[in-house]
PDB file of N, CA and C in Angstrom:
ATOM      1  N   MET A   1     -14.254  -3.190   7.174  1.00  0.00           N
ATOM      2  CA  MET A   1     -13.970  -3.001   5.775  1.00  0.00           C
ATOM      3  C   MET A   1     -12.592  -3.599   5.489  1.00  0.00           C
ATOM      4  N   CYS A   2     -12.513  -4.376   4.425  1.00  0.00           N
ATOM      5  CA  CYS A   2     -11.266  -5.047   4.047  1.00  0.00           C
ATOM      6  C   CYS A   2     -10.958  -4.733   2.588  1.00  0.00           C
ATOM      7  N   ALA A   3      -9.694  -4.524   2.286  1.00  0.00           N
ATOM      8  CA  ALA A   3      -9.277  -4.248   0.915  1.00  0.00           C
ATOM      9  C   ALA A   3      -8.030  -5.075   0.600  1.00  0.00           C
ATOM     10  N   LEU A   4      -8.051  -5.750  -0.540  1.00  0.00           N
ATOM     11  CA  LEU A   4      -6.960  -6.615  -0.978  1.00  0.00           C
ATOM     12  C   LEU A   4      -6.211  -5.940  -2.120  1.00  0.00           C
ATOM     13  N   PHE A   5      -4.902  -5.829  -1.960  1.00  0.00           N
ATOM     14  CA  PHE A   5      -4.060  -5.143  -2.950  1.00  0.00           C
ATOM     15  C   PHE A   5      -3.036  -6.107  -3.539  1.00  0.00           C
ATOM     16  N   SER A   6      -2.734  -5.924  -4.821  1.00  0.00           N
ATOM     17  CA  SER A   6      -1.731  -6.763  -5.472  1.00  0.00           C
ATOM     18  C   SER A   6      -0.428  -6.019  -5.729  1.00  0.00           C
ATOM     19  N   SER A   7      -0.380  -4.726  -5.372  1.00  0.00           N
ATOM     20  CA  SER A   7       0.849  -3.958  -5.552  1.00  0.00           C
ATOM     21  C   SER A   7       0.912  -2.842  -4.519  1.00  0.00           C
ATOM     22  N   ALA A   8       2.090  -2.266  -4.408  1.00  0.00           N
ATOM     23  CA  ALA A   8       2.320  -1.205  -3.421  1.00  0.00           C
ATOM     24  C   ALA A   8       1.721   0.125  -3.844  1.00  0.00           C
ATOM     25  N   LYS A   9       1.381   0.264  -5.108  1.00  0.00           N
ATOM     26  CA  LYS A   9       1.001   1.576  -5.637  1.00  0.00           C
ATOM     27  C   LYS A   9      -0.056   2.290  -4.799  1.00  0.00           C
ATOM     28  N   ASP A  10      -1.118   1.656  -4.441  1.00  0.00           N
ATOM     29  CA  ASP A  10      -2.206   2.317  -3.729  1.00  0.00           C
ATOM     30  C   ASP A  10      -2.414   1.805  -2.302  1.00  0.00           C
ATOM     31  N   PHE A  11      -1.607   0.846  -1.886  1.00  0.00           N
ATOM     32  CA  PHE A  11      -1.741   0.254  -0.557  1.00  0.00           C
ATOM     33  C   PHE A  11      -1.292   1.245   0.510  1.00  0.00           C
ATOM     34  N   PRO A  12      -1.953   1.327   1.638  1.00  0.00           N
ATOM     35  CA  PRO A  12      -3.241   0.749   1.985  1.00  0.00           C
ATOM     36  C   PRO A  12      -4.408   1.721   1.865  1.00  0.00           C
ATOM     37  N   LYS A  13      -4.118   2.962   1.539  1.00  0.00           N
ATOM     38  CA  LYS A  13      -5.133   4.011   1.650  1.00  0.00           C
ATOM     39  C   LYS A  13      -6.164   4.054   0.537  1.00  0.00           C
ATOM     40  N   ASN A  14      -5.781   3.817  -0.682  1.00  0.00           N
ATOM     41  CA  ASN A  14      -6.689   4.017  -1.811  1.00  0.00           C
ATOM     42  C   ASN A  14      -7.478   2.735  -2.088  1.00  0.00           C
ATOM     43  N   THR A  15      -8.466   2.475  -1.259  1.00  0.00           N
ATOM     44  CA  THR A  15      -9.212   1.221  -1.363  1.00  0.00           C
ATOM     45  C   THR A  15     -10.003   1.120  -2.659  1.00  0.00           C
ATOM     46  N   ASP A  16     -10.265   2.238  -3.317  1.00  0.00           N
ATOM     47  CA  ASP A  16     -10.943   2.194  -4.614  1.00  0.00           C
ATOM     48  C   ASP A  16     -10.099   1.486  -5.666  1.00  0.00           C
ATOM     49  N   LYS A  17      -8.800   1.435  -5.457  1.00  0.00           N
ATOM     50  CA  LYS A  17      -7.879   0.786  -6.395  1.00  0.00           C
ATOM     51  C   LYS A  17      -7.544  -0.653  -5.991  1.00  0.00           C
ATOM     52  N   ALA A  18      -8.107  -1.130  -4.889  1.00  0.00           N
ATOM     53  CA  ALA A  18      -7.868  -2.505  -4.448  1.00  0.00           C
ATOM     54  C   ALA A  18      -8.445  -3.479  -5.473  1.00  0.00           C
ATOM     55  N   ILE A  19      -7.856  -4.665  -5.576  1.00  0.00           N
ATOM     56  CA  ILE A  19      -8.377  -5.646  -6.527  1.00  0.00           C
ATOM     57  C   ILE A  19      -9.649  -6.310  -6.018  1.00  0.00           C
ATOM     58  N   ALA A  20      -9.864  -6.246  -4.693  1.00  0.00           N
ATOM     59  CA  ALA A  20     -11.095  -6.781  -4.105  1.00  0.00           C
ATOM     60  C   ALA A  20     -11.349  -6.071  -2.784  1.00  0.00           C
ATOM     61  N   ARG A  21     -12.630  -5.883  -2.487  1.00  0.00           N
ATOM     62  CA  ARG A  21     -13.035  -5.270  -1.223  1.00  0.00           C
ATOM     63  C   ARG A  21     -14.166  -6.084  -0.623  1.00  0.00           C
ATOM     64  N   ALA A  22     -14.258  -6.048   0.691  1.00  0.00           N
ATOM     65  CA  ALA A  22     -15.329  -6.766   1.380  1.00  0.00           C
ATOM     66  C   ALA A  22     -15.669  -6.016   2.663  1.00  0.00           C
ATOM     67  N   THR A  23     -16.894  -6.175   3.088  1.00  0.00           N
ATOM     68  CA  THR A  23     -17.306  -5.645   4.383  1.00  0.00           C
ATOM     69  C   THR A  23     -17.832  -6.805   5.211  1.00  0.00           C
ATOM     70  N   ALA A  24     -17.713  -6.660   6.504  1.00  0.00           N
ATOM     71  CA  ALA A  24     -18.173  -7.713   7.400  1.00  0.00           C
ATOM     72  C   ALA A  24     -18.617  -7.082   8.709  1.00  0.00           C
ATOM     73  N   GLY A  25     -19.658  -7.635   9.281  1.00  0.00           N
ATOM     74  CA  GLY A  25     -20.083  -7.205  10.596  1.00  0.00           C
ATOM     75  C   GLY A  25     -19.143  -7.742  11.655  1.00  0.00           C
ATOM     76  N   ILE A  26     -19.143  -7.089  12.792  1.00  0.00           N
ATOM     77  CA  ILE A  26     -18.294  -7.511  13.906  1.00  0.00           C
ATOM     78  C   ILE A  26     -19.169  -8.205  14.930  1.00  0.00           C
ATOM     79  N   LEU A  27     -18.786  -9.415  15.291  1.00  0.00           N
ATOM     80  CA  LEU A  27     -19.506 -10.199  16.276  1.00  0.00           C
ATOM     81  C   LEU A  27     -18.494 -10.753  17.268  1.00  0.00           C
ATOM     82  N   GLN A  28     -18.676 -10.447  18.525  1.00  0.00           N
ATOM     83  CA  GLN A  28     -17.761 -10.885  19.577  1.00  0.00           C
ATOM     84  C   GLN A  28     -16.318 -10.497  19.257  1.00  0.00           C
ATOM     85  N   ARG A  29     -16.152  -9.258  18.848  1.00  0.00           N
ATOM     86  CA  ARG A  29     -14.838  -8.665  18.554  1.00  0.00           C
ATOM     87  C   ARG A  29     -14.119  -9.321  17.384  1.00  0.00           C
ATOM     88  N   ARG A  30     -14.867  -9.972  16.491  1.00  0.00           N
ATOM     89  CA  ARG A  30     -14.274 -10.620  15.319  1.00  0.00           C
ATOM     90  C   ARG A  30     -15.100 -10.296  14.084  1.00  0.00           C
ATOM     91  N   ALA A  31     -14.420 -10.208  12.965  1.00  0.00           N
ATOM     92  CA  ALA A  31     -15.067 -10.026  11.670  1.00  0.00           C
ATOM     93  C   ALA A  31     -14.361 -10.936  10.671  1.00  0.00           C
ATOM     94  N   VAL A  32     -15.092 -11.408   9.684  1.00  0.00           N
ATOM     95  CA  VAL A  32     -14.518 -12.284   8.668  1.00  0.00           C
ATOM     96  C   VAL A  32     -14.815 -11.695   7.296  1.00  0.00           C
ATOM     97  N   CYS A  33     -13.764 -11.374   6.568  1.00  0.00           N
ATOM     98  CA  CYS A  33     -13.901 -10.903   5.184  1.00  0.00           C
ATOM     99  C   CYS A  33     -13.519 -12.050   4.263  1.00  0.00           C
ATOM    100  N   GLU A  34     -14.351 -12.304   3.285  1.00  0.00           N
ATOM    101  CA  GLU A  34     -14.074 -13.379   2.339  1.00  0.00           C
ATOM    102  C   GLU A  34     -13.951 -12.803   0.931  1.00  0.00           C
ATOM    103  N   PHE A  35     -12.973 -13.317   0.199  1.00  0.00           N
ATOM    104  CA  PHE A  35     -12.743 -12.923  -1.186  1.00  0.00           C
ATOM    105  C   PHE A  35     -12.806 -14.176  -2.051  1.00  0.00           C
ATOM    106  N   ALA A  36     -13.566 -14.129  -3.107  1.00  0.00           N
ATOM    107  CA  ALA A  36     -13.688 -15.275  -4.019  1.00  0.00           C
ATOM    108  C   ALA A  36     -12.991 -14.951  -5.340  1.00  0.00           C
ATOM    109  N   GLY A  37     -12.524 -16.003  -5.996  1.00  0.00           N
ATOM    110  CA  GLY A  37     -11.948 -15.849  -7.337  1.00  0.00           C
ATOM    111  C   GLY A  37     -10.600 -15.161  -7.371  1.00  0.00           C
ATOM    112  N   ILE A  38      -9.844 -15.247  -6.309  1.00  0.00           N
ATOM    113  CA  ILE A  38      -8.525 -14.613  -6.263  1.00  0.00           C
ATOM    114  C   ILE A  38      -7.476 -15.594  -6.793  1.00  0.00           C
ATOM    115  N   SER A  39      -6.696 -15.150  -7.745  1.00  0.00           N
ATOM    116  CA  SER A  39      -5.631 -15.984  -8.322  1.00  0.00           C
ATOM    117  C   SER A  39      -4.443 -16.054  -7.377  1.00  0.00           C
ATOM    118  N   PRO A  40      -3.673 -17.122  -7.449  1.00  0.00           N
ATOM    119  CA  PRO A  40      -2.455 -17.173  -6.640  1.00  0.00           C
ATOM    120  C   PRO A  40      -1.564 -15.964  -6.945  1.00  0.00           C
ATOM    121  N   GLY A  41      -0.877 -15.508  -5.926  1.00  0.00           N
ATOM    122  CA  GLY A  41       0.000 -14.361  -6.105  1.00  0.00           C
ATOM    123  C   GLY A  41       0.363 -13.717  -4.788  1.00  0.00           C
ATOM    124  N   ARG A  42       0.995 -12.583  -4.889  1.00  0.00           N
ATOM    125  CA  ARG A  42       1.456 -11.833  -3.720  1.00  0.00           C
ATOM    126  C   ARG A  42       0.486 -10.684  -3.475  1.00  0.00           C
ATOM    127  N   TYR A  43       0.001 -10.603  -2.248  1.00  0.00           N
ATOM    128  CA  TYR A  43      -1.024  -9.626  -1.895  1.00  0.00           C
ATOM    129  C   TYR A  43      -0.745  -9.033  -0.521  1.00  0.00           C
ATOM    130  N   ALA A  44      -1.391  -7.908  -0.265  1.00  0.00           N
ATOM    131  CA  ALA A  44      -1.419  -7.317   1.069  1.00  0.00           C
ATOM    132  C   ALA A  44      -2.859  -6.905   1.344  1.00  0.00           C
ATOM    133  N   LEU A  45      -3.259  -7.059   2.579  1.00  0.00           N
ATOM    134  CA  LEU A  45      -4.632  -6.771   2.985  1.00  0.00           C
ATOM    135  C   LEU A  45      -4.625  -5.634   3.993  1.00  0.00           C
ATOM    136  N   SER A  46      -5.509  -4.665   3.781  1.00  0.00           N
ATOM    137  CA  SER A  46      -5.692  -3.612   4.775  1.00  0.00           C
ATOM    138  C   SER A  46      -7.123  -3.687   5.284  1.00  0.00           C
ATOM    139  N   VAL A  47      -7.293  -3.385   6.554  1.00  0.00           N
ATOM    140  CA  VAL A  47      -8.620  -3.410   7.165  1.00  0.00           C
ATOM    141  C   VAL A  47      -8.800  -2.159   8.015  1.00  0.00           C
ATOM    142  N   PHE A  48     -10.049  -1.749   8.159  1.00  0.00           N
ATOM    143  CA  PHE A  48     -10.354  -0.714   9.131  1.00  0.00           C
ATOM    144  C   PHE A  48     -11.758  -0.913   9.667  1.00  0.00           C
ATOM    145  N   HIS A  49     -11.947  -0.472  10.889  1.00  0.00           N
ATOM    146  CA  HIS A  49     -13.229  -0.577  11.567  1.00  0.00           C
ATOM    147  C   HIS A  49     -14.007   0.706  11.288  1.00  0.00           C
ATOM    148  N   ASP A  50     -14.984   0.612  10.419  1.00  0.00           N
ATOM    149  CA  ASP A  50     -15.798   1.771  10.049  1.00  0.00           C
ATOM    150  C   ASP A  50     -16.804   2.033  11.168  1.00  0.00           C
ATOM    151  N   GLU A  51     -16.318   2.610  12.241  1.00  0.00           N
ATOM    152  CA  GLU A  51     -17.121   2.777  13.447  1.00  0.00           C
ATOM    153  C   GLU A  51     -18.391   3.580  13.233  1.00  0.00           C
ATOM    154  N   ASN A  52     -18.346   4.588  12.386  1.00  0.00           N
ATOM    155  CA  ASN A  52     -19.530   5.426  12.177  1.00  0.00           C
ATOM    156  C   ASN A  52     -20.325   5.044  10.933  1.00  0.00           C
ATOM    157  N   GLY A  53     -19.905   4.002  10.221  1.00  0.00           N
ATOM    158  CA  GLY A  53     -20.661   3.483   9.090  1.00  0.00           C
ATOM    159  C   GLY A  53     -20.742   4.402   7.885  1.00  0.00           C
ATOM    160  N   ASN A  54     -19.750   5.293   7.720  1.00  0.00           N
ATOM    161  CA  ASN A  54     -19.799   6.210   6.575  1.00  0.00           C
ATOM    162  C   ASN A  54     -19.075   5.673   5.337  1.00  0.00           C
ATOM    163  N   GLY A  55     -18.526   4.452   5.417  1.00  0.00           N
ATOM    164  CA  GLY A  55     -17.892   3.833   4.258  1.00  0.00           C
ATOM    165  C   GLY A  55     -16.486   4.281   3.970  1.00  0.00           C
ATOM    166  N   LYS A  56     -15.896   5.066   4.837  1.00  0.00           N
ATOM    167  CA  LYS A  56     -14.518   5.509   4.626  1.00  0.00           C
ATOM    168  C   LYS A  56     -13.786   5.562   5.951  1.00  0.00           C
ATOM    169  N   MET A  57     -12.460   5.525   5.869  1.00  0.00           N
ATOM    170  CA  MET A  57     -11.652   5.619   7.070  1.00  0.00           C
ATOM    171  C   MET A  57     -11.495   7.093   7.425  1.00  0.00           C
ATOM    172  N   ASP A  58     -11.964   7.445   8.587  1.00  0.00           N
ATOM    173  CA  ASP A  58     -11.865   8.825   9.036  1.00  0.00           C
ATOM    174  C   ASP A  58     -10.490   9.078   9.635  1.00  0.00           C
ATOM    175  N   THR A  59      -9.965  10.263   9.371  1.00  0.00           N
ATOM    176  CA  THR A  59      -8.650  10.647   9.879  1.00  0.00           C
ATOM    177  C   THR A  59      -8.750  11.996  10.586  1.00  0.00           C
ATOM    178  N   ASN A  60      -7.729  12.296  11.393  1.00  0.00           N
ATOM    179  CA  ASN A  60      -7.688  13.607  12.036  1.00  0.00           C
ATOM    180  C   ASN A  60      -7.013  14.609  11.105  1.00  0.00           C
ATOM    181  N   PHE A  61      -6.759  15.799  11.602  1.00  0.00           N
ATOM    182  CA  PHE A  61      -6.234  16.865  10.755  1.00  0.00           C
ATOM    183  C   PHE A  61      -4.833  16.603  10.208  1.00  0.00           C
ATOM    184  N   ILE A  62      -4.089  15.667  10.820  1.00  0.00           N
ATOM    185  CA  ILE A  62      -2.760  15.343  10.272  1.00  0.00           C
ATOM    186  C   ILE A  62      -2.743  14.003   9.533  1.00  0.00           C
ATOM    187  N   GLY A  63      -3.924  13.434   9.334  1.00  0.00           N
ATOM    188  CA  GLY A  63      -4.033  12.216   8.546  1.00  0.00           C
ATOM    189  C   GLY A  63      -3.967  10.917   9.322  1.00  0.00           C
ATOM    190  N   MET A  64      -3.902  10.984  10.637  1.00  0.00           N
ATOM    191  CA  MET A  64      -3.880   9.750  11.443  1.00  0.00           C
ATOM    192  C   MET A  64      -5.290   9.180  11.548  1.00  0.00           C
ATOM    193  N   PRO A  65      -5.414   7.861  11.477  1.00  0.00           N
ATOM    194  CA  PRO A  65      -6.740   7.244  11.538  1.00  0.00           C
ATOM    195  C   PRO A  65      -7.446   7.536  12.859  1.00  0.00           C
ATOM    196  N   ARG A  66      -8.744   7.822  12.753  1.00  0.00           N
ATOM    197  CA  ARG A  66      -9.581   8.010  13.931  1.00  0.00           C
ATOM    198  C   ARG A  66     -10.374   6.743  14.231  1.00  0.00           C
ATOM    199  N   GLU A  67     -10.209   5.734  13.379  1.00  0.00           N
ATOM    200  CA  GLU A  67     -10.891   4.454  13.533  1.00  0.00           C
ATOM    201  C   GLU A  67      -9.821   3.369  13.544  1.00  0.00           C
ATOM    202  N   GLY A  68     -10.180   2.183  14.009  1.00  0.00           N
ATOM    203  CA  GLY A  68      -9.221   1.087  14.086  1.00  0.00           C
ATOM    204  C   GLY A  68      -8.721   0.663  12.723  1.00  0.00           C
ATOM    205  N   VAL A  69      -7.431   0.342  12.635  1.00  0.00           N
ATOM    206  CA  VAL A  69      -6.808  -0.064  11.379  1.00  0.00           C
ATOM    207  C   VAL A  69      -5.935  -1.300  11.591  1.00  0.00           C
ATOM    208  N   GLY A  70      -5.681  -2.022  10.505  1.00  0.00           N
ATOM    209  CA  GLY A  70      -4.798  -3.172  10.560  1.00  0.00           C
ATOM    210  C   GLY A  70      -4.348  -3.560   9.163  1.00  0.00           C
ATOM    211  N   ALA A  71      -3.363  -4.455   9.106  1.00  0.00           N
ATOM    212  CA  ALA A  71      -2.844  -4.931   7.823  1.00  0.00           C
ATOM    213  C   ALA A  71      -2.371  -6.372   7.988  1.00  0.00           C
ATOM    214  N   SER A  72      -2.296  -7.079   6.873  1.00  0.00           N
ATOM    215  CA  SER A  72      -1.770  -8.441   6.904  1.00  0.00           C
ATOM    216  C   SER A  72      -0.371  -8.424   7.511  1.00  0.00           C
ATOM    217  N   ASN A  73       0.016  -9.547   8.092  1.00  0.00           N
ATOM    218  CA  ASN A  73       1.266  -9.677   8.843  1.00  0.00           C
ATOM    219  C   ASN A  73       1.293  -8.758  10.063  1.00  0.00           C
ATOM    220  N   ASN A  74       0.151  -8.180  10.400  1.00  0.00           N
ATOM    221  CA  ASN A  74       0.067  -7.179  11.473  1.00  0.00           C
ATOM    222  C   ASN A  74       1.137  -6.108  11.289  1.00  0.00           C
ATOM    223  N   ALA A  75       1.384  -5.775  10.019  1.00  0.00           N
ATOM    224  CA  ALA A  75       2.374  -4.751   9.688  1.00  0.00           C
ATOM    225  C   ALA A  75       1.911  -3.404  10.234  1.00  0.00           C
ATOM    226  N   ILE A  76       2.841  -2.657  10.766  1.00  0.00           N
ATOM    227  CA  ILE A  76       2.527  -1.321  11.249  1.00  0.00           C
ATOM    228  C   ILE A  76       3.448  -0.327  10.566  1.00  0.00           C
ATOM    229  N   GLY A  77       2.973   0.875  10.424  1.00  0.00           N
ATOM    230  CA  GLY A  77       3.772   1.916   9.794  1.00  0.00           C
ATOM    231  C   GLY A  77       4.535   2.717  10.831  1.00  0.00           C
ATOM    232  N   HIS A  78       5.531   3.388  10.375  1.00  0.00           N
ATOM    233  CA  HIS A  78       6.300   4.307  11.212  1.00  0.00           C
ATOM    234  C   HIS A  78       6.191   5.673  10.557  1.00  0.00           C
ATOM    235  N   PHE A  79       5.521   6.579  11.236  1.00  0.00           N
ATOM    236  CA  PHE A  79       5.252   7.908  10.682  1.00  0.00           C
ATOM    237  C   PHE A  79       4.451   7.815   9.392  1.00  0.00           C
ATOM    238  N   GLY A  80       3.486   6.925   9.359  1.00  0.00           N
ATOM    239  CA  GLY A  80       2.614   6.742   8.203  1.00  0.00           C
ATOM    240  C   GLY A  80       2.091   5.322   8.171  1.00  0.00           C
ATOM    241  N   PRO A  81       1.376   4.977   7.117  1.00  0.00           N
ATOM    242  CA  PRO A  81       0.807   3.635   7.019  1.00  0.00           C
ATOM    243  C   PRO A  81       1.887   2.584   6.782  1.00  0.00           C
ATOM    244  N   PRO A  82       1.560   1.306   7.007  1.00  0.00           N
ATOM    245  CA  PRO A  82       2.548   0.248   6.742  1.00  0.00           C
ATOM    246  C   PRO A  82       2.870   0.160   5.254  1.00  0.00           C
ATOM    247  N   LYS A  83       4.023  -0.335   4.959  1.00  0.00           N
ATOM    248  CA  LYS A  83       4.460  -0.531   3.574  1.00  0.00           C
ATOM    249  C   LYS A  83       3.919  -1.859   3.046  1.00  0.00           C
ATOM    250  N   PHE A  84       3.691  -1.903   1.751  1.00  0.00           N
ATOM    251  CA  PHE A  84       3.225  -3.120   1.092  1.00  0.00           C
ATOM    252  C   PHE A  84       4.163  -4.279   1.391  1.00  0.00           C
ATOM    253  N   GLU A  85       5.453  -4.041   1.307  1.00  0.00           N
ATOM    254  CA  GLU A  85       6.438  -5.102   1.524  1.00  0.00           C
ATOM    255  C   GLU A  85       6.302  -5.728   2.907  1.00  0.00           C
ATOM    256  N   ALA A  86       5.981  -4.925   3.902  1.00  0.00           N
ATOM    257  CA  ALA A  86       5.844  -5.440   5.265  1.00  0.00           C
ATOM    258  C   ALA A  86       4.561  -6.252   5.426  1.00  0.00           C
ATOM    259  N   ALA A  87       3.539  -5.926   4.654  1.00  0.00           N
ATOM    260  CA  ALA A  87       2.243  -6.594   4.780  1.00  0.00           C
ATOM    261  C   ALA A  87       2.045  -7.716   3.764  1.00  0.00           C
ATOM    262  N   ALA A  88       2.920  -7.830   2.776  1.00  0.00           N
ATOM    263  CA  ALA A  88       2.728  -8.775   1.679  1.00  0.00           C
ATOM    264  C   ALA A  88       2.775 -10.229   2.153  1.00  0.00           C
ATOM    265  N   ILE A  89       1.859 -11.007   1.614  1.00  0.00           N
ATOM    266  CA  ILE A  89       1.796 -12.450   1.883  1.00  0.00           C
ATOM    267  C   ILE A  89       1.701 -13.161   0.542  1.00  0.00           C
ATOM    268  N   TRP A  90       2.073 -14.418   0.524  1.00  0.00           N
ATOM    269  CA  TRP A  90       1.945 -15.230  -0.688  1.00  0.00           C
ATOM    270  C   TRP A  90       0.688 -16.067  -0.562  1.00  0.00           C
ATOM    271  N   TYR A  91      -0.192 -15.956  -1.553  1.00  0.00           N
ATOM    272  CA  TYR A  91      -1.417 -16.740  -1.599  1.00  0.00           C
ATOM    273  C   TYR A  91      -1.257 -17.779  -2.700  1.00  0.00           C
ATOM    274  N   SER A  92      -1.314 -19.055  -2.342  1.00  0.00           N
ATOM    275  CA  SER A  92      -1.096 -20.122  -3.317  1.00  0.00           C
ATOM    276  C   SER A  92      -2.395 -20.718  -3.852  1.00  0.00           C
ATOM    277  N   GLY A  93      -3.515 -20.198  -3.397  1.00  0.00           N
ATOM    278  CA  GLY A  93      -4.814 -20.702  -3.841  1.00  0.00           C
ATOM    279  C   GLY A  93      -5.524 -21.412  -2.704  1.00  0.00           C
ATOM    280  N   GLY A  94      -6.786 -21.681  -2.893  1.00  0.00           N
ATOM    281  CA  GLY A  94      -7.565 -22.352  -1.856  1.00  0.00           C
ATOM    282  C   GLY A  94      -7.942 -21.419  -0.730  1.00  0.00           C
ATOM    283  N   GLN A  95      -8.161 -21.995   0.433  1.00  0.00           N
ATOM    284  CA  GLN A  95      -8.568 -21.205   1.580  1.00  0.00           C
ATOM    285  C   GLN A  95      -7.348 -20.772   2.379  1.00  0.00           C
ATOM    286  N   LEU A  96      -7.316 -19.515   2.739  1.00  0.00           N
ATOM    287  CA  LEU A  96      -6.239 -18.957   3.540  1.00  0.00           C
ATOM    288  C   LEU A  96      -6.868 -18.134   4.651  1.00  0.00           C
ATOM    289  N   GLU A  97      -6.479 -18.408   5.863  1.00  0.00           N
ATOM    290  CA  GLU A  97      -7.003 -17.645   6.995  1.00  0.00           C
ATOM    291  C   GLU A  97      -5.909 -16.749   7.542  1.00  0.00           C
ATOM    292  N   LEU A  98      -6.182 -15.454   7.574  1.00  0.00           N
ATOM    293  CA  LEU A  98      -5.264 -14.478   8.159  1.00  0.00           C
ATOM    294  C   LEU A  98      -5.913 -13.905   9.405  1.00  0.00           C
ATOM    295  N   VAL A  99      -5.162 -13.762  10.450  1.00  0.00           N
ATOM    296  CA  VAL A  99      -5.650 -13.108  11.660  1.00  0.00           C
ATOM    297  C   VAL A  99      -4.952 -11.754  11.730  1.00  0.00           C
ATOM    298  N   ILE A 100      -5.749 -10.695  11.720  1.00  0.00           N
ATOM    299  CA  ILE A 100      -5.222  -9.335  11.739  1.00  0.00           C
ATOM    300  C   ILE A 100      -5.725  -8.637  12.992  1.00  0.00           C
ATOM    301  N   THR A 101      -4.818  -8.076  13.739  1.00  0.00           N
ATOM    302  CA  THR A 101      -5.183  -7.324  14.924  1.00  0.00           C
ATOM    303  C   THR A 101      -5.444  -5.873  14.526  1.00  0.00           C
ATOM    304  N   VAL A 102      -6.619  -5.379  14.849  1.00  0.00           N
ATOM    305  CA  VAL A 102      -6.966  -3.989  14.556  1.00  0.00           C
ATOM    306  C   VAL A 102      -6.513  -3.143  15.738  1.00  0.00           C
ATOM    307  N   ILE A 103      -5.780  -2.077  15.419  1.00  0.00           N
ATOM    308  CA  ILE A 103      -5.290  -1.198  16.475  1.00  0.00           C
ATOM    309  C   ILE A 103      -5.990   0.160  16.382  1.00  0.00           C
ATOM    310  N   TYR A 104      -6.163   0.764  17.513  1.00  0.00           N
ATOM    311  CA  TYR A 104      -6.809   2.066  17.612  1.00  0.00           C
ATOM    312  C   TYR A 104      -5.771   3.054  18.111  1.00  0.00           C
ATOM    313  N   LEU A 105      -5.442   4.023  17.278  1.00  0.00           N
ATOM    314  CA  LEU A 105      -4.378   4.978  17.621  1.00  0.00           C
ATOM    315  C   LEU A 105      -4.904   6.101  18.490  1.00  0.00           C
TER     316      LEU A 105
END
């Protein structure tokens, strides 16, 4: 599951507020999320491996992810999710390939 955000307000947890979302199957430890019609601008991408297929990121009792997570720039959080500023990238249009490492806590 991939979610594209244009501001820090809801990044990375509130995927319902993302400007675009995509799902992709995993093949040989890789998944490709594609977004069409995105205007140039500053964005951050969050991803998670929906291991149980329930459509949401599962967390434990203190809110830590129970499934693999990642963000653009391979940004990581300290005592919480990564900040938008750490994950933000500039998209100038056309095709952009980001490689995000999913980590399992």
